[in-house]
Amino acid sequence: MRKDKGKSALQYRDGGTFLIIRQEYPTGLPLQHRLKGLSRRIYIFCHTPKTMNDILKNFKGLKEESLATFITELCRKRLMFRENDRVLSLAVHHTT
C-alpha cells in the first residue's frame, strides 16, 4: 500500500525548459521520465484532449510523422493516452 494516499501515481514537475514525470507502480521503484524543449511543450499542451491536427497547428514546422512517433512512444510508456485522433497527457502537475 502506498504511504502517500491521495497522490497521483503519475505526476510531473515543470522545470521551465524541461519536466520530470514520476511514474509509480504498486511494486518496484518509481520510474522518472524527462522531457525537454518541444517534447515538454507538447506534453503540457495536451493536458486537455487535443487532436493531432490541433497539435500540428499549434507547433508550426512539426512533421506529422515525428509527432505520431512521439505520441506512440509516450502511449507505449503509459504517459499519454490516444483514442482515434485525440491525445491526452496523463500525468498531473505536482503541487506541494
PDB file of N, CA and C in Angstrom:
ATOM      1  N   MET A   1       0.841  -1.188   0.000  1.00  0.00           N
ATOM      2  CA  MET A   1       0.000   0.000   0.000  1.00  0.00           C
ATOM      3  C   MET A   1       0.881   1.245   0.000  1.00  0.00           C
ATOM      4  N   ARG A   2       0.473   2.250  -0.744  1.00  0.00           N
ATOM      5  CA  ARG A   2       1.254   3.493  -0.831  1.00  0.00           C
ATOM      6  C   ARG A   2       1.123   4.296   0.450  1.00  0.00           C
ATOM      7  N   LYS A   3       2.240   4.857   0.897  1.00  0.00           N
ATOM      8  CA  LYS A   3       2.248   5.685   2.100  1.00  0.00           C
ATOM      9  C   LYS A   3       1.566   7.028   1.876  1.00  0.00           C
ATOM     10  N   ASP A   4       1.692   7.557   0.672  1.00  0.00           N
ATOM     11  CA  ASP A   4       1.225   8.913   0.368  1.00  0.00           C
ATOM     12  C   ASP A   4      -0.148   8.873  -0.309  1.00  0.00           C
ATOM     13  N   LYS A   5      -1.164   8.439   0.447  1.00  0.00           N
ATOM     14  CA  LYS A   5      -2.520   8.374  -0.096  1.00  0.00           C
ATOM     15  C   LYS A   5      -2.943   9.739  -0.619  1.00  0.00           C
ATOM     16  N   GLY A   6      -3.691   9.717  -1.708  1.00  0.00           N
ATOM     17  CA  GLY A   6      -4.173  10.971  -2.278  1.00  0.00           C
ATOM     18  C   GLY A   6      -3.270  11.529  -3.356  1.00  0.00           C
ATOM     19  N   LYS A   7      -2.045  11.047  -3.450  1.00  0.00           N
ATOM     20  CA  LYS A   7      -1.139  11.495  -4.510  1.00  0.00           C
ATOM     21  C   LYS A   7      -1.340  10.642  -5.746  1.00  0.00           C
ATOM     22  N   SER A   8      -1.194  11.269  -6.884  1.00  0.00           N
ATOM     23  CA  SER A   8      -1.335  10.549  -8.134  1.00  0.00           C
ATOM     24  C   SER A   8      -0.129   9.647  -8.373  1.00  0.00           C
ATOM     25  N   ALA A   9      -0.373   8.517  -8.998  1.00  0.00           N
ATOM     26  CA  ALA A   9       0.718   7.596  -9.336  1.00  0.00           C
ATOM     27  C   ALA A   9       1.493   8.073 -10.560  1.00  0.00           C
ATOM     28  N   LEU A  10       0.965   9.116 -11.233  1.00  0.00           N
ATOM     29  CA  LEU A  10       1.612   9.671 -12.417  1.00  0.00           C
ATOM     30  C   LEU A  10       1.528  11.182 -12.325  1.00  0.00           C
ATOM     31  N   GLN A  11       2.660  11.809 -12.016  1.00  0.00           N
ATOM     32  CA  GLN A  11       2.668  13.257 -11.845  1.00  0.00           C
ATOM     33  C   GLN A  11       3.938  13.857 -12.438  1.00  0.00           C
ATOM     34  N   TYR A  12       3.878  15.158 -12.736  1.00  0.00           N
ATOM     35  CA  TYR A  12       5.069  15.808 -13.288  1.00  0.00           C
ATOM     36  C   TYR A  12       5.386  17.085 -12.544  1.00  0.00           C
ATOM     37  N   ARG A  13       6.657  17.433 -12.598  1.00  0.00           N
ATOM     38  CA  ARG A  13       7.168  18.710 -12.084  1.00  0.00           C
ATOM     39  C   ARG A  13       7.758  19.447 -13.267  1.00  0.00           C
ATOM     40  N   ASP A  14       7.395  20.700 -13.394  1.00  0.00           N
ATOM     41  CA  ASP A  14       7.843  21.502 -14.526  1.00  0.00           C
ATOM     42  C   ASP A  14       9.042  22.348 -14.124  1.00  0.00           C
ATOM     43  N   GLY A  15      10.127  22.198 -14.870  1.00  0.00           N
ATOM     44  CA  GLY A  15      11.337  22.957 -14.609  1.00  0.00           C
ATOM     45  C   GLY A  15      11.523  24.144 -15.551  1.00  0.00           C
ATOM     46  N   GLY A  16      10.485  24.490 -16.304  1.00  0.00           N
ATOM     47  CA  GLY A  16      10.568  25.643 -17.203  1.00  0.00           C
ATOM     48  C   GLY A  16      11.013  25.274 -18.603  1.00  0.00           C
ATOM     49  N   THR A  17      12.147  24.609 -18.724  1.00  0.00           N
ATOM     50  CA  THR A  17      12.625  24.165 -20.036  1.00  0.00           C
ATOM     51  C   THR A  17      12.578  22.640 -20.153  1.00  0.00           C
ATOM     52  N   PHE A  18      12.240  21.987 -19.053  1.00  0.00           N
ATOM     53  CA  PHE A  18      12.124  20.527 -19.021  1.00  0.00           C
ATOM     54  C   PHE A  18      11.043  20.171 -18.006  1.00  0.00           C
ATOM     55  N   LEU A  19      10.593  18.935 -18.054  1.00  0.00           N
ATOM     56  CA  LEU A  19       9.730  18.449 -16.989  1.00  0.00           C
ATOM     57  C   LEU A  19      10.114  17.015 -16.666  1.00  0.00           C
ATOM     58  N   ILE A  20       9.885  16.661 -15.420  1.00  0.00           N
ATOM     59  CA  ILE A  20      10.166  15.319 -14.936  1.00  0.00           C
ATOM     60  C   ILE A  20       8.825  14.665 -14.614  1.00  0.00           C
ATOM     61  N   ILE A  21       8.588  13.523 -15.224  1.00  0.00           N
ATOM     62  CA  ILE A  21       7.371  12.764 -14.952  1.00  0.00           C
ATOM     63  C   ILE A  21       7.749  11.595 -14.051  1.00  0.00           C
ATOM     64  N   ARG A  22       7.071  11.488 -12.932  1.00  0.00           N
ATOM     65  CA  ARG A  22       7.295  10.390 -11.989  1.00  0.00           C
ATOM     66  C   ARG A  22       6.147   9.402 -12.143  1.00  0.00           C
ATOM     67  N   GLN A  23       6.496   8.163 -12.404  1.00  0.00           N
ATOM     68  CA  GLN A  23       5.514   7.112 -12.654  1.00  0.00           C
ATOM     69  C   GLN A  23       5.696   6.024 -11.598  1.00  0.00           C
ATOM     70  N   GLU A  24       4.714   5.890 -10.720  1.00  0.00           N
ATOM     71  CA  GLU A  24       4.802   4.908  -9.642  1.00  0.00           C
ATOM     72  C   GLU A  24       3.983   3.670  -9.966  1.00  0.00           C
ATOM     73  N   TYR A  25       4.499   2.526  -9.528  1.00  0.00           N
ATOM     74  CA  TYR A  25       3.816   1.248  -9.670  1.00  0.00           C
ATOM     75  C   TYR A  25       3.619   0.658  -8.280  1.00  0.00           C
ATOM     76  N   PRO A  26       2.622  -0.194  -8.102  1.00  0.00           N
ATOM     77  CA  PRO A  26       2.390  -0.783  -6.780  1.00  0.00           C
ATOM     78  C   PRO A  26       3.613  -1.523  -6.247  1.00  0.00           C
ATOM     79  N   THR A  27       4.369  -2.127  -7.139  1.00  0.00           N
ATOM     80  CA  THR A  27       5.588  -2.827  -6.718  1.00  0.00           C
ATOM     81  C   THR A  27       6.763  -2.241  -7.498  1.00  0.00           C
ATOM     82  N   GLY A  28       7.892  -2.214  -6.866  1.00  0.00           N
ATOM     83  CA  GLY A  28       9.092  -1.734  -7.551  1.00  0.00           C
ATOM     84  C   GLY A  28       9.321  -0.243  -7.373  1.00  0.00           C
ATOM     85  N   LEU A  29      10.460   0.200  -7.863  1.00  0.00           N
ATOM     86  CA  LEU A  29      10.844   1.599  -7.758  1.00  0.00           C
ATOM     87  C   LEU A  29      10.104   2.435  -8.794  1.00  0.00           C
ATOM     88  N   PRO A  30       9.843   3.705  -8.490  1.00  0.00           N
ATOM     89  CA  PRO A  30       9.187   4.573  -9.477  1.00  0.00           C
ATOM     90  C   PRO A  30      10.123   4.862 -10.648  1.00  0.00           C
ATOM     91  N   LEU A  31       9.528   5.084 -11.809  1.00  0.00           N
ATOM     92  CA  LEU A  31      10.285   5.485 -12.992  1.00  0.00           C
ATOM     93  C   LEU A  31      10.217   6.991 -13.116  1.00  0.00           C
ATOM     94  N   GLN A  32      11.276   7.583 -13.668  1.00  0.00           N
ATOM     95  CA  GLN A  32      11.270   9.009 -13.963  1.00  0.00           C
ATOM     96  C   GLN A  32      11.585   9.205 -15.431  1.00  0.00           C
ATOM     97  N   HIS A  33      10.808  10.080 -16.061  1.00  0.00           N
ATOM     98  CA  HIS A  33      10.977  10.399 -17.472  1.00  0.00           C
ATOM     99  C   HIS A  33      11.227  11.896 -17.570  1.00  0.00           C
ATOM    100  N   ARG A  34      12.146  12.288 -18.439  1.00  0.00           N
ATOM    101  CA  ARG A  34      12.477  13.702 -18.612  1.00  0.00           C
ATOM    102  C   ARG A  34      12.126  14.122 -20.037  1.00  0.00           C
ATOM    103  N   LEU A  35      11.338  15.182 -20.147  1.00  0.00           N
ATOM    104  CA  LEU A  35      11.000  15.754 -21.452  1.00  0.00           C
ATOM    105  C   LEU A  35      11.567  17.154 -21.510  1.00  0.00           C
ATOM    106  N   LYS A  36      12.209  17.480 -22.630  1.00  0.00           N
ATOM    107  CA  LYS A  36      12.827  18.799 -22.793  1.00  0.00           C
ATOM    108  C   LYS A  36      12.271  19.485 -24.029  1.00  0.00           C
ATOM    109  N   GLY A  37      12.356  20.810 -24.040  1.00  0.00           N
ATOM    110  CA  GLY A  37      12.042  21.596 -25.218  1.00  0.00           C
ATOM    111  C   GLY A  37      10.669  21.335 -25.795  1.00  0.00           C
ATOM    112  N   LEU A  38      10.638  21.006 -27.086  1.00  0.00           N
ATOM    113  CA  LEU A  38       9.385  20.792 -27.798  1.00  0.00           C
ATOM    114  C   LEU A  38       8.580  19.639 -27.190  1.00  0.00           C
ATOM    115  N   SER A  39       9.239  18.582 -26.779  1.00  0.00           N
ATOM    116  CA  SER A  39       8.541  17.450 -26.154  1.00  0.00           C
ATOM    117  C   SER A  39       7.795  17.910 -24.907  1.00  0.00           C
ATOM    118  N   ARG A  40       8.452  18.713 -24.081  1.00  0.00           N
ATOM    119  CA  ARG A  40       7.823  19.265 -22.881  1.00  0.00           C
ATOM    120  C   ARG A  40       6.609  20.099 -23.245  1.00  0.00           C
ATOM    121  N   ARG A  41       6.757  20.975 -24.242  1.00  0.00           N
ATOM    122  CA  ARG A  41       5.659  21.873 -24.625  1.00  0.00           C
ATOM    123  C   ARG A  41       4.465  21.095 -25.172  1.00  0.00           C
ATOM    124  N   ILE A  42       4.719  20.080 -25.960  1.00  0.00           N
ATOM    125  CA  ILE A  42       3.622  19.253 -26.490  1.00  0.00           C
ATOM    126  C   ILE A  42       2.910  18.534 -25.346  1.00  0.00           C
ATOM    127  N   TYR A  43       3.677  17.967 -24.427  1.00  0.00           N
ATOM    128  CA  TYR A  43       3.077  17.230 -23.314  1.00  0.00           C
ATOM    129  C   TYR A  43       2.161  18.136 -22.495  1.00  0.00           C
ATOM    130  N   ILE A  44       2.625  19.327 -22.172  1.00  0.00           N
ATOM    131  CA  ILE A  44       1.815  20.270 -21.397  1.00  0.00           C
ATOM    132  C   ILE A  44       0.595  20.731 -22.200  1.00  0.00           C
ATOM    133  N   PHE A  45       0.772  20.967 -23.484  1.00  0.00           N
ATOM    134  CA  PHE A  45      -0.330  21.391 -24.362  1.00  0.00           C
ATOM    135  C   PHE A  45      -1.465  20.366 -24.341  1.00  0.00           C
ATOM    136  N   CYS A  46      -1.116  19.107 -24.192  1.00  0.00           N
ATOM    137  CA  CYS A  46      -2.114  18.029 -24.240  1.00  0.00           C
ATOM    138  C   CYS A  46      -2.699  17.695 -22.861  1.00  0.00           C
ATOM    139  N   HIS A  47      -2.650  18.638 -21.921  1.00  0.00           N
ATOM    140  CA  HIS A  47      -3.253  18.371 -20.607  1.00  0.00           C
ATOM    141  C   HIS A  47      -4.776  18.287 -20.702  1.00  0.00           C
ATOM    142  N   THR A  48      -5.338  18.803 -21.777  1.00  0.00           N
ATOM    143  CA  THR A  48      -6.734  18.555 -22.134  1.00  0.00           C
ATOM    144  C   THR A  48      -6.694  17.865 -23.490  1.00  0.00           C
ATOM    145  N   PRO A  49      -7.689  17.055 -23.808  1.00  0.00           N
ATOM    146  CA  PRO A  49      -7.634  16.304 -25.069  1.00  0.00           C
ATOM    147  C   PRO A  49      -7.447  17.216 -26.285  1.00  0.00           C
ATOM    148  N   LYS A  50      -6.529  16.828 -27.141  1.00  0.00           N
ATOM    149  CA  LYS A  50      -6.230  17.560 -28.372  1.00  0.00           C
ATOM    150  C   LYS A  50      -6.227  16.585 -29.532  1.00  0.00           C
ATOM    151  N   THR A  51      -6.590  17.065 -30.692  1.00  0.00           N
ATOM    152  CA  THR A  51      -6.464  16.232 -31.892  1.00  0.00           C
ATOM    153  C   THR A  51      -5.032  16.382 -32.404  1.00  0.00           C
ATOM    154  N   MET A  52      -4.635  15.448 -33.224  1.00  0.00           N
ATOM    155  CA  MET A  52      -3.308  15.540 -33.830  1.00  0.00           C
ATOM    156  C   MET A  52      -3.211  16.827 -34.644  1.00  0.00           C
ATOM    157  N   ASN A  53      -4.290  17.182 -35.310  1.00  0.00           N
ATOM    158  CA  ASN A  53      -4.309  18.412 -36.097  1.00  0.00           C
ATOM    159  C   ASN A  53      -4.147  19.645 -35.208  1.00  0.00           C
ATOM    160  N   ASP A  54      -4.783  19.659 -34.027  1.00  0.00           N
ATOM    161  CA  ASP A  54      -4.613  20.766 -33.068  1.00  0.00           C
ATOM    162  C   ASP A  54      -3.136  20.944 -32.725  1.00  0.00           C
ATOM    163  N   ILE A  55      -2.467  19.837 -32.477  1.00  0.00           N
ATOM    164  CA  ILE A  55      -1.052  19.878 -32.089  1.00  0.00           C
ATOM    165  C   ILE A  55      -0.209  20.404 -33.247  1.00  0.00           C
ATOM    166  N   LEU A  56      -0.453  19.885 -34.441  1.00  0.00           N
ATOM    167  CA  LEU A  56       0.313  20.323 -35.613  1.00  0.00           C
ATOM    168  C   LEU A  56       0.092  21.804 -35.900  1.00  0.00           C
ATOM    169  N   LYS A  57      -1.119  22.298 -35.718  1.00  0.00           N
ATOM    170  CA  LYS A  57      -1.407  23.726 -35.929  1.00  0.00           C
ATOM    171  C   LYS A  57      -0.703  24.588 -34.896  1.00  0.00           C
ATOM    172  N   ASN A  58      -0.653  24.111 -33.653  1.00  0.00           N
ATOM    173  CA  ASN A  58      -0.052  24.898 -32.578  1.00  0.00           C
ATOM    174  C   ASN A  58       1.477  24.914 -32.652  1.00  0.00           C
ATOM    175  N   PHE A  59       2.070  23.862 -33.174  1.00  0.00           N
ATOM    176  CA  PHE A  59       3.530  23.753 -33.240  1.00  0.00           C
ATOM    177  C   PHE A  59       3.957  23.726 -34.702  1.00  0.00           C
ATOM    178  N   LYS A  60       3.984  24.891 -35.282  1.00  0.00           N
ATOM    179  CA  LYS A  60       4.333  25.045 -36.710  1.00  0.00           C
ATOM    180  C   LYS A  60       5.683  24.410 -36.999  1.00  0.00           C
ATOM    181  N   GLY A  61       5.778  23.757 -38.131  1.00  0.00           N
ATOM    182  CA  GLY A  61       7.030  23.142 -38.546  1.00  0.00           C
ATOM    183  C   GLY A  61       7.204  21.713 -38.054  1.00  0.00           C
ATOM    184  N   LEU A  62       6.339  21.282 -37.127  1.00  0.00           N
ATOM    185  CA  LEU A  62       6.403  19.917 -36.622  1.00  0.00           C
ATOM    186  C   LEU A  62       5.853  18.970 -37.690  1.00  0.00           C
ATOM    187  N   LYS A  63       6.595  17.945 -37.994  1.00  0.00           N
ATOM    188  CA  LYS A  63       6.182  16.989 -39.019  1.00  0.00           C
ATOM    189  C   LYS A  63       5.231  15.952 -38.402  1.00  0.00           C
ATOM    190  N   GLU A  64       4.198  15.616 -39.163  1.00  0.00           N
ATOM    191  CA  GLU A  64       3.177  14.688 -38.681  1.00  0.00           C
ATOM    192  C   GLU A  64       3.779  13.344 -38.278  1.00  0.00           C
ATOM    193  N   GLU A  65       4.736  12.856 -39.063  1.00  0.00           N
ATOM    194  CA  GLU A  65       5.375  11.578 -38.766  1.00  0.00           C
ATOM    195  C   GLU A  65       6.141  11.632 -37.439  1.00  0.00           C
ATOM    196  N   SER A  66       6.844  12.731 -37.193  1.00  0.00           N
ATOM    197  CA  SER A  66       7.585  12.893 -35.934  1.00  0.00           C
ATOM    198  C   SER A  66       6.639  12.944 -34.749  1.00  0.00           C
ATOM    199  N   LEU A  67       5.526  13.668 -34.908  1.00  0.00           N
ATOM    200  CA  LEU A  67       4.540  13.761 -33.843  1.00  0.00           C
ATOM    201  C   LEU A  67       3.940  12.385 -33.553  1.00  0.00           C
ATOM    202  N   ALA A  68       3.587  11.652 -34.598  1.00  0.00           N
ATOM    203  CA  ALA A  68       2.993  10.328 -34.425  1.00  0.00           C
ATOM    204  C   ALA A  68       3.949   9.394 -33.682  1.00  0.00           C
ATOM    205  N   THR A  69       5.226   9.459 -34.013  1.00  0.00           N
ATOM    206  CA  THR A  69       6.237   8.630 -33.343  1.00  0.00           C
ATOM    207  C   THR A  69       6.332   8.993 -31.865  1.00  0.00           C
ATOM    208  N   PHE A  70       6.373  10.298 -31.568  1.00  0.00           N
ATOM    209  CA  PHE A  70       6.450  10.792 -30.190  1.00  0.00           C
ATOM    210  C   PHE A  70       5.234  10.326 -29.388  1.00  0.00           C
ATOM    211  N   ILE A  71       4.041  10.522 -29.937  1.00  0.00           N
ATOM    212  CA  ILE A  71       2.804  10.146 -29.242  1.00  0.00           C
ATOM    213  C   ILE A  71       2.759   8.625 -29.022  1.00  0.00           C
ATOM    214  N   THR A  72       3.114   7.861 -30.021  1.00  0.00           N
ATOM    215  CA  THR A  72       3.115   6.404 -29.906  1.00  0.00           C
ATOM    216  C   THR A  72       4.040   5.942 -28.791  1.00  0.00           C
ATOM    217  N   GLU A  73       5.227   6.546 -28.717  1.00  0.00           N
ATOM    218  CA  GLU A  73       6.200   6.170 -27.687  1.00  0.00           C
ATOM    219  C   GLU A  73       5.677   6.504 -26.284  1.00  0.00           C
ATOM    220  N   LEU A  74       5.088   7.680 -26.118  1.00  0.00           N
ATOM    221  CA  LEU A  74       4.577   8.045 -24.802  1.00  0.00           C
ATOM    222  C   LEU A  74       3.354   7.216 -24.420  1.00  0.00           C
ATOM    223  N   CYS A  75       2.557   6.825 -25.385  1.00  0.00           N
ATOM    224  CA  CYS A  75       1.426   5.929 -25.116  1.00  0.00           C
ATOM    225  C   CYS A  75       1.941   4.550 -24.697  1.00  0.00           C
ATOM    226  N   ARG A  76       2.987   4.091 -25.359  1.00  0.00           N
ATOM    227  CA  ARG A  76       3.591   2.799 -25.012  1.00  0.00           C
ATOM    228  C   ARG A  76       4.088   2.799 -23.566  1.00  0.00           C
ATOM    229  N   LYS A  77       4.611   3.950 -23.125  1.00  0.00           N
ATOM    230  CA  LYS A  77       5.109   4.087 -21.753  1.00  0.00           C
ATOM    231  C   LYS A  77       3.990   4.416 -20.760  1.00  0.00           C
ATOM    232  N   ARG A  78       2.772   4.567 -21.277  1.00  0.00           N
ATOM    233  CA  ARG A  78       1.583   4.897 -20.474  1.00  0.00           C
ATOM    234  C   ARG A  78       1.661   6.274 -19.837  1.00  0.00           C
ATOM    235  N   LEU A  79       2.278   7.207 -20.559  1.00  0.00           N
ATOM    236  CA  LEU A  79       2.347   8.602 -20.118  1.00  0.00           C
ATOM    237  C   LEU A  79       1.300   9.448 -20.827  1.00  0.00           C
ATOM    238  N   MET A  80       0.815   8.955 -21.957  1.00  0.00           N
ATOM    239  CA  MET A  80      -0.239   9.616 -22.725  1.00  0.00           C
ATOM    240  C   MET A  80      -1.250   8.555 -23.124  1.00  0.00           C
ATOM    241  N   PHE A  81      -2.435   9.048 -23.494  1.00  0.00           N
ATOM    242  CA  PHE A  81      -3.497   8.169 -23.971  1.00  0.00           C
ATOM    243  C   PHE A  81      -3.973   8.695 -25.311  1.00  0.00           C
ATOM    244  N   ARG A  82      -4.201   7.777 -26.238  1.00  0.00           N
ATOM    245  CA  ARG A  82      -4.698   8.168 -27.557  1.00  0.00           C
ATOM    246  C   ARG A  82      -5.907   7.314 -27.907  1.00  0.00           C
ATOM    247  N   GLU A  83      -6.953   7.983 -28.332  1.00  0.00           N
ATOM    248  CA  GLU A  83      -8.142   7.299 -28.818  1.00  0.00           C
ATOM    249  C   GLU A  83      -8.510   7.936 -30.140  1.00  0.00           C
ATOM    250  N   ASN A  84      -8.437   7.145 -31.192  1.00  0.00           N
ATOM    251  CA  ASN A  84      -8.648   7.645 -32.550  1.00  0.00           C
ATOM    252  C   ASN A  84      -7.667   8.786 -32.805  1.00  0.00           C
ATOM    253  N   ASP A  85      -8.156   9.998 -33.010  1.00  0.00           N
ATOM    254  CA  ASP A  85      -7.275  11.125 -33.321  1.00  0.00           C
ATOM    255  C   ASP A  85      -7.043  12.045 -32.123  1.00  0.00           C
ATOM    256  N   ARG A  86      -7.581  11.704 -30.972  1.00  0.00           N
ATOM    257  CA  ARG A  86      -7.451  12.561 -29.789  1.00  0.00           C
ATOM    258  C   ARG A  86      -6.379  12.029 -28.848  1.00  0.00           C
ATOM    259  N   VAL A  87      -5.610  12.960 -28.287  1.00  0.00           N
ATOM    260  CA  VAL A  87      -4.472  12.623 -27.436  1.00  0.00           C
ATOM    261  C   VAL A  87      -4.606  13.361 -26.109  1.00  0.00           C
ATOM    262  N   LEU A  88      -4.211  12.694 -25.015  1.00  0.00           N
ATOM    263  CA  LEU A  88      -4.275  13.292 -23.689  1.00  0.00           C
ATOM    264  C   LEU A  88      -3.030  12.920 -22.896  1.00  0.00           C
ATOM    265  N   SER A  89      -2.389  13.914 -22.278  1.00  0.00           N
ATOM    266  CA  SER A  89      -1.285  13.659 -21.350  1.00  0.00           C
ATOM    267  C   SER A  89      -1.892  13.197 -20.032  1.00  0.00           C
ATOM    268  N   LEU A  90      -1.340  12.156 -19.444  1.00  0.00           N
ATOM    269  CA  LEU A  90      -1.957  11.542 -18.256  1.00  0.00           C
ATOM    270  C   LEU A  90      -1.411  12.025 -16.920  1.00  0.00           C
ATOM    271  N   ALA A  91      -0.188  12.513 -16.888  1.00  0.00           N
ATOM    272  CA  ALA A  91       0.388  12.941 -15.608  1.00  0.00           C
ATOM    273  C   ALA A  91      -0.270  14.247 -15.151  1.00  0.00           C
ATOM    274  N   VAL A  92      -0.443  14.349 -13.842  1.00  0.00           N
ATOM    275  CA  VAL A  92      -0.970  15.580 -13.269  1.00  0.00           C
ATOM    276  C   VAL A  92       0.189  16.415 -12.737  1.00  0.00           C
ATOM    277  N   HIS A  93      -0.008  17.721 -12.739  1.00  0.00           N
ATOM    278  CA  HIS A  93       1.031  18.632 -12.274  1.00  0.00           C
ATOM    279  C   HIS A  93       1.190  18.486 -10.765  1.00  0.00           C
ATOM    280  N   HIS A  94       2.404  18.239 -10.340  1.00  0.00           N
ATOM    281  CA  HIS A  94       2.694  18.077  -8.906  1.00  0.00           C
ATOM    282  C   HIS A  94       2.701  19.445  -8.232  1.00  0.00           C
ATOM    283  N   THR A  95       1.943  19.550  -7.174  1.00  0.00           N
ATOM    284  CA  THR A  95       1.960  20.775  -6.360  1.00  0.00           C
ATOM    285  C   THR A  95       2.313  20.371  -4.940  1.00  0.00           C
ATOM    286  N   THR A  96       3.029  21.225  -4.262  1.00  0.00           N
ATOM    287  CA  THR A  96       3.445  20.887  -2.891  1.00  0.00           C
ATOM    288  C   THR A  96       2.458  21.319  -1.880  1.00  0.00           C
TER     289      THR A  96
END
